[in-house]
Amino acid sequence: GFEATLGYRHGPLSLRAGYALTDATFRTPFILNSPDNPSANGSGEIEVRPGDRLPGVPRHRALLSADYQRDRWSVGADVQAASGQYLFGDEANLEPRTRAYVLANVRASAKLVGSLGLFGEVTNLFDRHYATYGTFTETDQVFIREAPGASNPRTLSPGEPRRLTVGLRADF
């Protein structure tokens, strides 16, 4: 893999950019039991080949960040991006990956009096829906109350929704 981070500061402005390429692949072929994978053979197995990507690892990740800081206040924002990843149980890379995503976050703070300050941040500003993990689950023999009649075995863990945090901070 490869990872690089660049930073720049000029007076009250600071900028950062980072990128990571992770080439996490299997090097040895093997047969894996994955009965809930829709692409598995009749015995519930998938054939992993050299070069297949490890599940759960995005190939590309990037971050852009900017902050502006004065004596008594600061504002900042960042944008995070990640490519899709294969689901666990799909080590052979036979099924679609999770979708790539881009998230925006903003933050601000102000000193009030003495060591007391006010801060706020909004993560996932545009309330993007994205998955941080995925696998397969049995749908034909297990009743899923929240999804009756479910037939898609893809199970995704949702990423954090929009979150607003506001608070007071005291420095000692």
N, C-alpha and C. Protein backbone atom coordinates (compact mmCIF):
# COMPACT_ATOMS: atom_id res chain seq x y z
N GLY A 1 0.82 -1.19 0.00
CA GLY A 1 0.00 0.00 0.00
C GLY A 1 0.86 1.24 0.00
N PHE A 2 0.17 2.35 0.05
CA PHE A 2 0.81 3.65 0.00
C PHE A 2 -0.04 4.62 0.80
N GLU A 3 0.60 5.47 1.59
CA GLU A 3 -0.13 6.49 2.33
C GLU A 3 0.69 7.76 2.34
N ALA A 4 0.04 8.89 2.08
CA ALA A 4 0.72 10.18 2.07
C ALA A 4 -0.18 11.23 2.70
N THR A 5 0.43 12.13 3.44
CA THR A 5 -0.27 13.25 4.04
C THR A 5 0.54 14.51 3.80
N LEU A 6 -0.13 15.56 3.36
CA LEU A 6 0.50 16.86 3.15
C LEU A 6 -0.19 17.88 4.04
N GLY A 7 0.58 18.80 4.59
CA GLY A 7 0.01 19.84 5.41
C GLY A 7 0.59 21.19 5.03
N TYR A 8 -0.21 22.22 5.18
CA TYR A 8 0.22 23.58 4.86
C TYR A 8 -0.38 24.51 5.90
N ARG A 9 0.44 25.44 6.40
CA ARG A 9 -0.04 26.44 7.36
C ARG A 9 0.48 27.80 6.94
N HIS A 10 -0.45 28.74 6.91
CA HIS A 10 -0.10 30.13 6.60
C HIS A 10 -0.94 31.02 7.50
N GLY A 11 -0.31 31.60 8.51
CA GLY A 11 -1.04 32.42 9.46
C GLY A 11 -2.13 31.61 10.14
N PRO A 12 -3.36 32.10 10.10
CA PRO A 12 -4.45 31.40 10.79
C PRO A 12 -5.04 30.22 10.00
N LEU A 13 -4.60 30.02 8.77
CA LEU A 13 -5.15 28.96 7.92
C LEU A 13 -4.26 27.73 7.91
N SER A 14 -4.87 26.58 8.10
CA SER A 14 -4.12 25.33 7.95
C SER A 14 -4.93 24.40 7.05
N LEU A 15 -4.20 23.73 6.15
CA LEU A 15 -4.80 22.80 5.20
C LEU A 15 -4.10 21.47 5.31
N ARG A 16 -4.86 20.39 5.14
CA ARG A 16 -4.27 19.05 5.15
C ARG A 16 -4.95 18.21 4.07
N ALA A 17 -4.18 17.35 3.47
CA ALA A 17 -4.70 16.41 2.49
C ALA A 17 -4.02 15.07 2.72
N GLY A 18 -4.79 14.02 2.67
CA GLY A 18 -4.22 12.70 2.85
C GLY A 18 -4.86 11.70 1.89
N TYR A 19 -4.09 10.72 1.51
CA TYR A 19 -4.58 9.67 0.62
C TYR A 19 -3.91 8.36 1.01
N ALA A 20 -4.68 7.29 0.96
CA ALA A 20 -4.14 5.96 1.23
C ALA A 20 -4.65 4.99 0.18
N LEU A 21 -3.74 4.23 -0.38
CA LEU A 21 -4.06 3.14 -1.30
C LEU A 21 -3.67 1.85 -0.59
N THR A 22 -4.63 0.97 -0.38
CA THR A 22 -4.36 -0.29 0.31
C THR A 22 -4.62 -1.43 -0.67
N ASP A 23 -3.57 -2.11 -1.05
CA ASP A 23 -3.68 -3.21 -2.01
C ASP A 23 -3.61 -4.53 -1.24
N ALA A 24 -4.67 -4.77 -0.45
CA ALA A 24 -4.71 -5.96 0.41
C ALA A 24 -5.35 -7.10 -0.38
N THR A 25 -4.53 -8.04 -0.83
CA THR A 25 -5.03 -9.15 -1.64
C THR A 25 -4.53 -10.49 -1.10
N PHE A 26 -5.27 -11.53 -1.45
CA PHE A 26 -4.83 -12.88 -1.12
C PHE A 26 -3.72 -13.28 -2.08
N ARG A 27 -2.75 -14.03 -1.60
CA ARG A 27 -1.62 -14.47 -2.42
C ARG A 27 -1.68 -15.96 -2.73
N THR A 28 -2.49 -16.68 -1.99
CA THR A 28 -2.56 -18.13 -2.13
C THR A 28 -4.01 -18.55 -2.41
N PRO A 29 -4.22 -19.45 -3.35
CA PRO A 29 -5.59 -19.91 -3.62
C PRO A 29 -6.08 -20.86 -2.52
N PHE A 30 -7.38 -20.81 -2.24
CA PHE A 30 -7.98 -21.75 -1.28
C PHE A 30 -9.49 -21.76 -1.48
N ILE A 31 -10.12 -22.77 -0.93
CA ILE A 31 -11.58 -22.92 -0.97
C ILE A 31 -12.11 -22.52 0.40
N LEU A 32 -13.16 -21.70 0.39
CA LEU A 32 -13.72 -21.19 1.64
C LEU A 32 -15.20 -21.55 1.73
N ASN A 33 -15.63 -22.00 2.88
CA ASN A 33 -17.04 -22.27 3.12
C ASN A 33 -17.75 -20.94 3.33
N SER A 34 -18.73 -20.64 2.47
CA SER A 34 -19.50 -19.40 2.56
C SER A 34 -20.92 -19.67 2.08
N PRO A 35 -21.70 -20.44 2.85
CA PRO A 35 -22.99 -20.93 2.37
C PRO A 35 -24.03 -19.84 2.10
N ASP A 36 -23.92 -18.65 2.70
CA ASP A 36 -24.92 -17.61 2.48
C ASP A 36 -24.56 -16.69 1.32
N ASN A 37 -23.37 -16.87 0.74
CA ASN A 37 -22.97 -16.07 -0.42
C ASN A 37 -23.77 -16.58 -1.62
N PRO A 38 -24.52 -15.68 -2.30
CA PRO A 38 -25.33 -16.12 -3.44
C PRO A 38 -24.50 -16.72 -4.58
N SER A 39 -23.22 -16.42 -4.64
CA SER A 39 -22.37 -16.94 -5.71
C SER A 39 -21.65 -18.22 -5.34
N ALA A 40 -21.93 -18.75 -4.15
CA ALA A 40 -21.28 -20.00 -3.73
C ALA A 40 -21.79 -21.16 -4.58
N ASN A 41 -20.97 -22.20 -4.71
CA ASN A 41 -21.39 -23.37 -5.47
C ASN A 41 -22.42 -24.18 -4.67
N GLY A 42 -22.86 -25.28 -5.20
CA GLY A 42 -23.89 -26.10 -4.57
C GLY A 42 -23.50 -26.61 -3.19
N SER A 43 -22.21 -26.67 -2.92
CA SER A 43 -21.73 -27.11 -1.60
C SER A 43 -21.54 -25.95 -0.64
N GLY A 44 -21.86 -24.73 -1.09
CA GLY A 44 -21.70 -23.55 -0.24
C GLY A 44 -20.28 -23.05 -0.16
N GLU A 45 -19.48 -23.33 -1.19
CA GLU A 45 -18.07 -22.93 -1.17
C GLU A 45 -17.79 -21.89 -2.25
N ILE A 46 -16.79 -21.07 -1.97
CA ILE A 46 -16.28 -20.13 -2.98
C ILE A 46 -14.79 -20.39 -3.16
N GLU A 47 -14.30 -20.13 -4.35
CA GLU A 47 -12.89 -20.36 -4.67
C GLU A 47 -12.15 -19.02 -4.67
N VAL A 48 -11.26 -18.86 -3.72
CA VAL A 48 -10.48 -17.63 -3.60
C VAL A 48 -9.20 -17.81 -4.42
N ARG A 49 -8.91 -16.83 -5.25
CA ARG A 49 -7.73 -16.88 -6.11
C ARG A 49 -6.72 -15.81 -5.70
N PRO A 50 -5.45 -16.01 -6.04
CA PRO A 50 -4.48 -14.94 -5.79
C PRO A 50 -4.91 -13.66 -6.49
N GLY A 51 -4.82 -12.56 -5.79
CA GLY A 51 -5.22 -11.26 -6.34
C GLY A 51 -6.61 -10.84 -5.90
N ASP A 52 -7.43 -11.75 -5.37
CA ASP A 52 -8.73 -11.35 -4.84
C ASP A 52 -8.51 -10.44 -3.63
N ARG A 53 -9.33 -9.43 -3.51
CA ARG A 53 -9.16 -8.43 -2.45
C ARG A 53 -9.74 -8.91 -1.12
N LEU A 54 -9.07 -8.55 -0.04
CA LEU A 54 -9.57 -8.86 1.29
C LEU A 54 -10.85 -8.07 1.54
N PRO A 55 -11.87 -8.71 2.08
CA PRO A 55 -13.11 -7.98 2.38
C PRO A 55 -12.90 -7.01 3.53
N GLY A 56 -13.76 -5.98 3.56
CA GLY A 56 -13.72 -5.02 4.66
C GLY A 56 -12.63 -3.98 4.57
N VAL A 57 -11.86 -3.96 3.48
CA VAL A 57 -10.75 -3.02 3.34
C VAL A 57 -10.97 -2.16 2.11
N PRO A 58 -11.31 -0.87 2.27
CA PRO A 58 -11.45 -0.02 1.09
C PRO A 58 -10.10 0.16 0.41
N ARG A 59 -10.08 0.08 -0.89
CA ARG A 59 -8.82 0.25 -1.64
C ARG A 59 -8.33 1.70 -1.58
N HIS A 60 -9.25 2.65 -1.63
CA HIS A 60 -8.87 4.07 -1.61
C HIS A 60 -9.54 4.77 -0.43
N ARG A 61 -8.77 5.62 0.24
CA ARG A 61 -9.30 6.51 1.28
C ARG A 61 -8.64 7.86 1.12
N ALA A 62 -9.41 8.92 1.31
CA ALA A 62 -8.86 10.27 1.16
C ALA A 62 -9.48 11.19 2.19
N LEU A 63 -8.73 12.24 2.54
CA LEU A 63 -9.19 13.24 3.49
C LEU A 63 -8.67 14.61 3.07
N LEU A 64 -9.56 15.58 3.02
CA LEU A 64 -9.20 16.98 2.82
C LEU A 64 -9.72 17.74 4.02
N SER A 65 -8.89 18.61 4.60
CA SER A 65 -9.28 19.30 5.81
C SER A 65 -8.77 20.73 5.78
N ALA A 66 -9.57 21.67 6.29
CA ALA A 66 -9.17 23.07 6.37
C ALA A 66 -9.65 23.63 7.71
N ASP A 67 -8.80 24.43 8.34
CA ASP A 67 -9.15 25.10 9.59
C ASP A 67 -8.67 26.54 9.54
N TYR A 68 -9.47 27.42 10.12
CA TYR A 68 -9.11 28.83 10.22
C TYR A 68 -9.24 29.21 11.68
N GLN A 69 -8.13 29.66 12.29
CA GLN A 69 -8.12 29.90 13.73
C GLN A 69 -7.65 31.31 14.04
N ARG A 70 -8.45 32.02 14.80
CA ARG A 70 -8.10 33.35 15.30
C ARG A 70 -7.89 33.22 16.81
N ASP A 71 -7.65 34.32 17.46
CA ASP A 71 -7.37 34.27 18.90
C ASP A 71 -8.50 33.66 19.71
N ARG A 72 -9.73 34.03 19.45
CA ARG A 72 -10.84 33.61 20.30
C ARG A 72 -11.82 32.67 19.61
N TRP A 73 -11.62 32.34 18.34
CA TRP A 73 -12.56 31.47 17.64
C TRP A 73 -11.85 30.69 16.53
N SER A 74 -12.50 29.63 16.09
CA SER A 74 -11.97 28.85 14.98
C SER A 74 -13.13 28.17 14.24
N VAL A 75 -12.94 27.93 12.96
CA VAL A 75 -13.89 27.17 12.15
C VAL A 75 -13.10 26.19 11.30
N GLY A 76 -13.73 25.12 10.94
CA GLY A 76 -13.04 24.12 10.13
C GLY A 76 -14.02 23.18 9.45
N ALA A 77 -13.50 22.47 8.49
CA ALA A 77 -14.30 21.49 7.76
C ALA A 77 -13.38 20.42 7.21
N ASP A 78 -13.94 19.26 6.98
CA ASP A 78 -13.18 18.23 6.28
C ASP A 78 -14.13 17.40 5.44
N VAL A 79 -13.53 16.76 4.44
CA VAL A 79 -14.24 15.86 3.54
C VAL A 79 -13.48 14.54 3.58
N GLN A 80 -14.21 13.45 3.85
CA GLN A 80 -13.62 12.12 3.90
C GLN A 80 -14.25 11.28 2.79
N ALA A 81 -13.45 10.49 2.13
CA ALA A 81 -13.95 9.64 1.05
C ALA A 81 -13.33 8.24 1.19
N ALA A 82 -14.11 7.25 0.81
CA ALA A 82 -13.61 5.87 0.81
C ALA A 82 -14.29 5.11 -0.32
N SER A 83 -13.52 4.24 -0.96
CA SER A 83 -14.09 3.40 -2.01
C SER A 83 -14.85 2.25 -1.38
N GLY A 84 -15.65 1.56 -2.18
CA GLY A 84 -16.41 0.42 -1.68
C GLY A 84 -15.50 -0.74 -1.29
N GLN A 85 -16.06 -1.65 -0.52
CA GLN A 85 -15.29 -2.80 -0.05
C GLN A 85 -16.12 -4.07 -0.24
N TYR A 86 -15.43 -5.18 -0.41
CA TYR A 86 -16.12 -6.46 -0.53
C TYR A 86 -16.65 -6.88 0.83
N LEU A 87 -17.74 -7.60 0.81
CA LEU A 87 -18.37 -8.07 2.03
C LEU A 87 -17.62 -9.28 2.59
N PHE A 88 -17.62 -9.41 3.92
CA PHE A 88 -17.05 -10.60 4.54
C PHE A 88 -17.90 -11.79 4.12
N GLY A 89 -17.25 -12.87 3.77
CA GLY A 89 -17.94 -14.03 3.20
C GLY A 89 -17.86 -14.01 1.68
N ASP A 90 -17.26 -12.96 1.13
CA ASP A 90 -17.06 -12.86 -0.33
C ASP A 90 -15.58 -12.64 -0.63
N GLU A 91 -14.75 -13.45 -0.01
CA GLU A 91 -13.31 -13.35 -0.21
C GLU A 91 -12.92 -13.60 -1.66
N ALA A 92 -13.81 -14.22 -2.45
CA ALA A 92 -13.53 -14.47 -3.87
C ALA A 92 -13.96 -13.30 -4.75
N ASN A 93 -14.51 -12.23 -4.15
CA ASN A 93 -14.90 -11.01 -4.87
C ASN A 93 -15.91 -11.29 -5.97
N LEU A 94 -16.92 -12.08 -5.68
CA LEU A 94 -17.93 -12.47 -6.67
C LEU A 94 -19.16 -11.58 -6.65
N GLU A 95 -19.41 -10.91 -5.55
CA GLU A 95 -20.60 -10.09 -5.38
C GLU A 95 -20.23 -8.60 -5.40
N PRO A 96 -21.21 -7.73 -5.62
CA PRO A 96 -20.91 -6.29 -5.62
C PRO A 96 -20.38 -5.81 -4.27
N ARG A 97 -19.53 -4.81 -4.33
CA ARG A 97 -18.97 -4.19 -3.12
C ARG A 97 -20.00 -3.23 -2.50
N THR A 98 -19.71 -2.77 -1.30
CA THR A 98 -20.49 -1.68 -0.74
C THR A 98 -20.23 -0.45 -1.61
N ARG A 99 -21.11 0.52 -1.54
CA ARG A 99 -20.92 1.73 -2.34
C ARG A 99 -19.82 2.61 -1.74
N ALA A 100 -19.11 3.31 -2.61
CA ALA A 100 -18.16 4.31 -2.16
C ALA A 100 -18.95 5.44 -1.51
N TYR A 101 -18.27 6.22 -0.65
CA TYR A 101 -18.98 7.33 -0.02
C TYR A 101 -18.05 8.52 0.19
N VAL A 102 -18.69 9.68 0.32
CA VAL A 102 -18.01 10.93 0.62
C VAL A 102 -18.80 11.60 1.74
N LEU A 103 -18.12 11.99 2.80
CA LEU A 103 -18.75 12.64 3.94
C LEU A 103 -18.15 14.02 4.17
N ALA A 104 -18.98 14.96 4.59
CA ALA A 104 -18.51 16.30 4.94
C ALA A 104 -18.80 16.55 6.42
N ASN A 105 -17.86 17.18 7.09
CA ASN A 105 -17.99 17.52 8.51
C ASN A 105 -17.59 18.97 8.71
N VAL A 106 -18.26 19.68 9.62
CA VAL A 106 -17.89 21.06 9.93
C VAL A 106 -17.77 21.20 11.44
N ARG A 107 -16.98 22.18 11.86
CA ARG A 107 -16.77 22.40 13.29
C ARG A 107 -16.46 23.87 13.55
N ALA A 108 -16.71 24.31 14.77
CA ALA A 108 -16.41 25.68 15.18
C ALA A 108 -16.25 25.71 16.69
N SER A 109 -15.49 26.68 17.15
CA SER A 109 -15.34 26.86 18.60
C SER A 109 -15.06 28.34 18.87
N ALA A 110 -15.40 28.75 20.08
CA ALA A 110 -15.17 30.13 20.50
C ALA A 110 -14.84 30.14 21.98
N LYS A 111 -13.86 30.97 22.37
CA LYS A 111 -13.56 31.16 23.78
C LYS A 111 -14.55 32.19 24.32
N LEU A 112 -15.15 31.89 25.46
CA LEU A 112 -16.13 32.80 26.04
C LEU A 112 -15.46 33.71 27.07
N VAL A 113 -15.20 33.20 28.26
CA VAL A 113 -14.51 33.95 29.31
C VAL A 113 -13.54 33.02 30.01
N GLY A 114 -12.37 33.53 30.31
CA GLY A 114 -11.37 32.73 31.00
C GLY A 114 -11.07 31.46 30.23
N SER A 115 -11.23 30.33 30.90
CA SER A 115 -10.92 29.04 30.26
C SER A 115 -12.17 28.37 29.70
N LEU A 116 -13.29 29.07 29.71
CA LEU A 116 -14.55 28.50 29.24
C LEU A 116 -14.75 28.77 27.75
N GLY A 117 -15.14 27.74 27.03
CA GLY A 117 -15.34 27.87 25.59
C GLY A 117 -16.57 27.12 25.12
N LEU A 118 -17.07 27.51 23.98
CA LEU A 118 -18.22 26.89 23.34
C LEU A 118 -17.71 26.18 22.08
N PHE A 119 -18.22 24.99 21.82
CA PHE A 119 -17.81 24.29 20.60
C PHE A 119 -19.03 23.63 19.97
N GLY A 120 -18.92 23.36 18.71
CA GLY A 120 -19.97 22.64 18.00
C GLY A 120 -19.40 21.95 16.78
N GLU A 121 -20.03 20.86 16.39
CA GLU A 121 -19.61 20.16 15.19
C GLU A 121 -20.80 19.42 14.60
N VAL A 122 -20.79 19.29 13.29
CA VAL A 122 -21.78 18.49 12.59
C VAL A 122 -20.98 17.46 11.78
N THR A 123 -21.20 16.19 12.09
CA THR A 123 -20.59 15.12 11.30
C THR A 123 -21.62 14.60 10.32
N ASN A 124 -21.15 14.15 9.17
CA ASN A 124 -22.02 13.68 8.09
C ASN A 124 -23.06 14.76 7.78
N LEU A 125 -22.57 15.94 7.48
CA LEU A 125 -23.38 17.14 7.27
C LEU A 125 -24.56 16.92 6.34
N PHE A 126 -24.38 16.20 5.25
CA PHE A 126 -25.45 16.01 4.26
C PHE A 126 -26.23 14.71 4.50
N ASP A 127 -26.03 14.09 5.66
CA ASP A 127 -26.75 12.88 6.08
C ASP A 127 -26.68 11.79 5.01
N ARG A 128 -25.49 11.50 4.53
CA ARG A 128 -25.28 10.46 3.53
C ARG A 128 -25.52 9.08 4.15
N HIS A 129 -26.10 8.21 3.37
CA HIS A 129 -26.32 6.82 3.79
C HIS A 129 -25.19 5.98 3.20
N TYR A 130 -24.47 5.30 4.06
CA TYR A 130 -23.31 4.52 3.61
C TYR A 130 -23.12 3.34 4.55
N ALA A 131 -22.35 2.36 4.10
CA ALA A 131 -22.11 1.16 4.90
C ALA A 131 -20.63 1.09 5.29
N THR A 132 -20.38 0.66 6.51
CA THR A 132 -19.01 0.52 7.00
C THR A 132 -18.59 -0.94 7.11
N TYR A 133 -19.54 -1.86 6.92
CA TYR A 133 -19.26 -3.29 7.07
C TYR A 133 -20.35 -4.04 6.32
N GLY A 134 -20.01 -5.19 5.80
CA GLY A 134 -21.02 -6.01 5.14
C GLY A 134 -20.67 -7.49 5.21
N THR A 135 -21.72 -8.31 5.21
CA THR A 135 -21.56 -9.76 5.20
C THR A 135 -22.84 -10.35 4.60
N PHE A 136 -22.99 -11.64 4.67
CA PHE A 136 -24.18 -12.31 4.17
C PHE A 136 -24.88 -13.01 5.34
N THR A 137 -26.19 -13.12 5.23
CA THR A 137 -26.95 -13.79 6.29
C THR A 137 -27.98 -14.72 5.67
N GLU A 138 -28.36 -15.69 6.42
CA GLU A 138 -29.36 -16.65 5.98
C GLU A 138 -30.72 -15.96 5.94
N THR A 139 -31.45 -16.11 4.85
CA THR A 139 -32.78 -15.48 4.76
C THR A 139 -33.90 -16.50 4.60
N ASP A 140 -33.60 -17.72 4.23
CA ASP A 140 -34.69 -18.67 3.97
C ASP A 140 -35.13 -19.46 5.20
N GLN A 141 -34.31 -19.51 6.24
CA GLN A 141 -34.69 -20.29 7.40
C GLN A 141 -34.79 -19.48 8.68
N VAL A 142 -34.42 -18.20 8.60
CA VAL A 142 -34.48 -17.33 9.76
C VAL A 142 -35.45 -16.20 9.45
N PHE A 143 -36.46 -16.04 10.29
CA PHE A 143 -37.43 -14.97 10.10
C PHE A 143 -36.84 -13.67 10.63
N ILE A 144 -36.82 -12.65 9.82
CA ILE A 144 -36.32 -11.34 10.22
C ILE A 144 -37.53 -10.45 10.42
N ARG A 145 -37.86 -10.18 11.66
CA ARG A 145 -39.07 -9.43 11.98
C ARG A 145 -39.09 -8.05 11.32
N GLU A 146 -37.96 -7.38 11.27
CA GLU A 146 -37.88 -6.04 10.69
C GLU A 146 -37.99 -6.07 9.17
N ALA A 147 -37.80 -7.22 8.55
CA ALA A 147 -37.85 -7.34 7.09
C ALA A 147 -38.52 -8.66 6.71
N PRO A 148 -39.82 -8.76 6.95
CA PRO A 148 -40.49 -10.03 6.61
C PRO A 148 -40.41 -10.30 5.11
N GLY A 149 -40.17 -11.54 4.76
CA GLY A 149 -40.06 -11.92 3.36
C GLY A 149 -38.75 -11.53 2.72
N ALA A 150 -37.77 -11.15 3.51
CA ALA A 150 -36.47 -10.74 2.97
C ALA A 150 -35.85 -11.87 2.17
N SER A 151 -35.29 -11.52 1.03
CA SER A 151 -34.64 -12.55 0.21
C SER A 151 -33.21 -12.16 -0.14
N ASN A 152 -32.81 -10.93 0.10
CA ASN A 152 -31.46 -10.48 -0.21
C ASN A 152 -30.56 -10.79 0.99
N PRO A 153 -29.55 -11.65 0.82
CA PRO A 153 -28.72 -12.04 1.96
C PRO A 153 -27.66 -11.01 2.33
N ARG A 154 -27.53 -9.91 1.55
CA ARG A 154 -26.54 -8.88 1.88
C ARG A 154 -26.96 -8.16 3.16
N THR A 155 -26.08 -8.15 4.13
CA THR A 155 -26.33 -7.48 5.40
C THR A 155 -25.28 -6.40 5.55
N LEU A 156 -25.72 -5.15 5.63
CA LEU A 156 -24.80 -4.02 5.71
C LEU A 156 -24.96 -3.29 7.03
N SER A 157 -23.85 -2.85 7.60
CA SER A 157 -23.90 -2.03 8.81
C SER A 157 -23.88 -0.57 8.38
N PRO A 158 -24.92 0.16 8.74
CA PRO A 158 -24.98 1.55 8.30
C PRO A 158 -23.93 2.40 9.00
N GLY A 159 -23.43 3.40 8.26
CA GLY A 159 -22.53 4.38 8.85
C GLY A 159 -23.31 5.35 9.72
N GLU A 160 -22.59 6.14 10.45
CA GLU A 160 -23.21 7.10 11.37
C GLU A 160 -24.03 8.13 10.61
N PRO A 161 -25.26 8.40 11.05
CA PRO A 161 -26.06 9.44 10.40
C PRO A 161 -25.56 10.82 10.83
N ARG A 162 -26.22 11.86 10.32
CA ARG A 162 -25.84 13.22 10.71
C ARG A 162 -25.91 13.32 12.23
N ARG A 163 -24.91 14.02 12.78
CA ARG A 163 -24.87 14.21 14.23
C ARG A 163 -24.45 15.64 14.53
N LEU A 164 -25.19 16.29 15.38
CA LEU A 164 -24.86 17.64 15.83
C LEU A 164 -24.44 17.56 17.28
N THR A 165 -23.28 18.11 17.57
CA THR A 165 -22.77 18.14 18.94
C THR A 165 -22.45 19.59 19.30
N VAL A 166 -22.99 20.04 20.42
CA VAL A 166 -22.72 21.38 20.93
C VAL A 166 -22.40 21.23 22.39
N GLY A 167 -21.40 21.97 22.85
CA GLY A 167 -21.05 21.85 24.27
C GLY A 167 -20.19 22.98 24.76
N LEU A 168 -19.96 22.94 26.06
CA LEU A 168 -19.07 23.87 26.72
C LEU A 168 -17.80 23.12 27.11
N ARG A 169 -16.70 23.81 27.01
CA ARG A 169 -15.41 23.20 27.35
C ARG A 169 -14.69 24.11 28.34
N ALA A 170 -14.12 23.52 29.36
CA ALA A 170 -13.33 24.26 30.33
C ALA A 170 -11.92 23.69 30.33
N ASP A 171 -10.95 24.53 30.10
CA ASP A 171 -9.55 24.10 30.12
C ASP A 171 -8.94 24.43 31.48
N PHE A 172 -8.22 23.46 32.04
CA PHE A 172 -7.57 23.65 33.34
C PHE A 172 -6.08 23.57 33.17
